[in-house]
Amino acid sequence: MQARLSAKYASRRTQAIETAALSGGRFRVHYQIGEGAARPHWIEETGVCLIGSDGSLMGAIGCLRNITEEKEREERLTYLT
C-alpha cells in the first residue's frame, strides 16, 4: 500500500502507525490514492498495533475503507458555505 501513496500521504500514514506503536494503541488515518487520476480515491485506514513482550512492534491488524464519497460530500458542503 505504501508504494501507491504520495510522499505526503505515506508520511502521514507512517506517523500514525508509529505513534500507535509507541503507545500500544489504535490508529486511524485518511489518505488519498491515485493522485493525478481523474477521480482519486480516499481511504480510511484503522487498526491496532500488536506489541511483543519486549515492546517491539510485531505487526498490525486493520481495515481499509473507501471514503471517497464522504470526502466529496464534505468538499461540496465546504464549497457551498
Protein backbone atom coordinates (compact mmCIF):
# COMPACT_ATOMS: atom_id res chain seq x y z
CA MET A 1 0.00 0.00 0.00
CA GLN A 2 2.77 2.43 0.94
CA ALA A 3 4.16 2.33 -2.63
CA ARG A 4 0.86 3.70 -4.04
CA LEU A 5 0.94 6.78 -1.81
CA SER A 6 2.50 10.16 -2.49
CA ALA A 7 5.26 11.20 -0.09
CA LYS A 8 2.81 13.45 1.77
CA TYR A 9 0.31 10.68 2.48
CA ALA A 10 2.95 7.99 3.03
CA SER A 11 4.49 10.16 5.74
CA ARG A 12 1.09 10.76 7.36
CA ARG A 13 0.32 7.02 7.37
CA THR A 14 3.73 6.08 8.76
CA GLN A 15 3.46 8.68 11.52
CA ALA A 16 0.02 7.43 12.58
CA ILE A 17 1.22 3.82 12.80
CA GLU A 18 4.47 4.71 14.59
CA THR A 19 2.60 6.83 17.15
CA ALA A 20 0.19 3.96 17.80
CA ALA A 21 3.09 1.51 18.10
CA LEU A 22 4.76 3.65 20.75
CA SER A 23 1.57 3.91 22.77
CA GLY A 24 0.43 0.35 22.06
CA GLY A 25 -2.82 1.74 20.78
CA ARG A 26 -5.05 2.20 17.81
CA PHE A 27 -4.52 4.30 14.72
CA ARG A 28 -6.79 5.97 12.21
CA VAL A 29 -5.59 7.85 9.16
CA HIS A 30 -7.13 9.21 5.95
CA TYR A 31 -5.15 9.35 2.73
CA GLN A 32 -5.59 9.56 -1.00
CA ILE A 33 -4.52 7.01 -3.60
CA GLY A 34 -4.44 7.50 -7.34
CA GLU A 35 -3.27 11.12 -7.24
CA GLY A 36 -3.30 12.60 -10.70
CA ALA A 37 -6.13 10.30 -11.77
CA ALA A 38 -9.41 11.76 -12.99
CA ARG A 39 -11.01 10.70 -9.70
CA PRO A 40 -8.56 9.77 -6.94
CA HIS A 41 -9.85 7.63 -4.08
CA TRP A 42 -9.83 8.48 -0.39
CA ILE A 43 -9.09 5.69 2.08
CA GLU A 44 -9.66 5.48 5.82
CA GLU A 45 -7.31 3.03 7.48
CA THR A 46 -7.95 1.99 11.07
CA GLY A 47 -6.12 -0.58 13.10
CA VAL A 48 -4.31 -1.60 16.21
CA CYS A 49 -0.62 -2.29 16.64
CA LEU A 50 0.50 -5.63 18.05
CA ILE A 51 3.31 -5.15 20.54
CA GLY A 52 5.59 -8.02 21.57
CA SER A 53 6.61 -8.81 25.14
CA ASP A 54 9.88 -6.96 24.52
CA GLY A 55 7.98 -3.82 23.47
CA SER A 56 8.76 -4.15 19.77
CA LEU A 57 6.19 -3.80 17.02
CA MET A 58 5.12 -7.28 15.91
CA GLY A 59 2.61 -6.13 13.29
CA ALA A 60 -0.77 -4.51 12.93
CA ILE A 61 -4.32 -5.59 12.31
CA GLY A 62 -6.57 -3.19 10.50
CA CYS A 63 -9.17 -2.35 7.94
CA LEU A 64 -9.26 -0.14 4.84
CA ARG A 65 -12.46 1.64 3.86
CA ASN A 66 -13.19 3.68 0.73
CA ILE A 67 -14.42 7.09 1.95
CA THR A 68 -14.28 8.88 -1.42
CA GLU A 69 -17.98 9.74 -1.47
CA GLU A 70 -17.83 11.12 2.08
CA LYS A 71 -14.84 13.33 1.21
CA GLU A 72 -16.53 14.59 -1.96
CA ARG A 73 -19.67 15.41 0.05
CA GLU A 74 -17.57 17.31 2.62
CA GLU A 75 -15.86 19.28 -0.17
CA ARG A 76 -19.23 20.22 -1.73
CA LEU A 77 -20.58 21.38 1.64
CA THR A 78 -17.44 23.42 2.30
CA TYR A 79 -17.71 24.99 -1.14
CA LEU A 80 -21.36 25.91 -0.55
CA THR A 81 -20.72 27.60 2.80
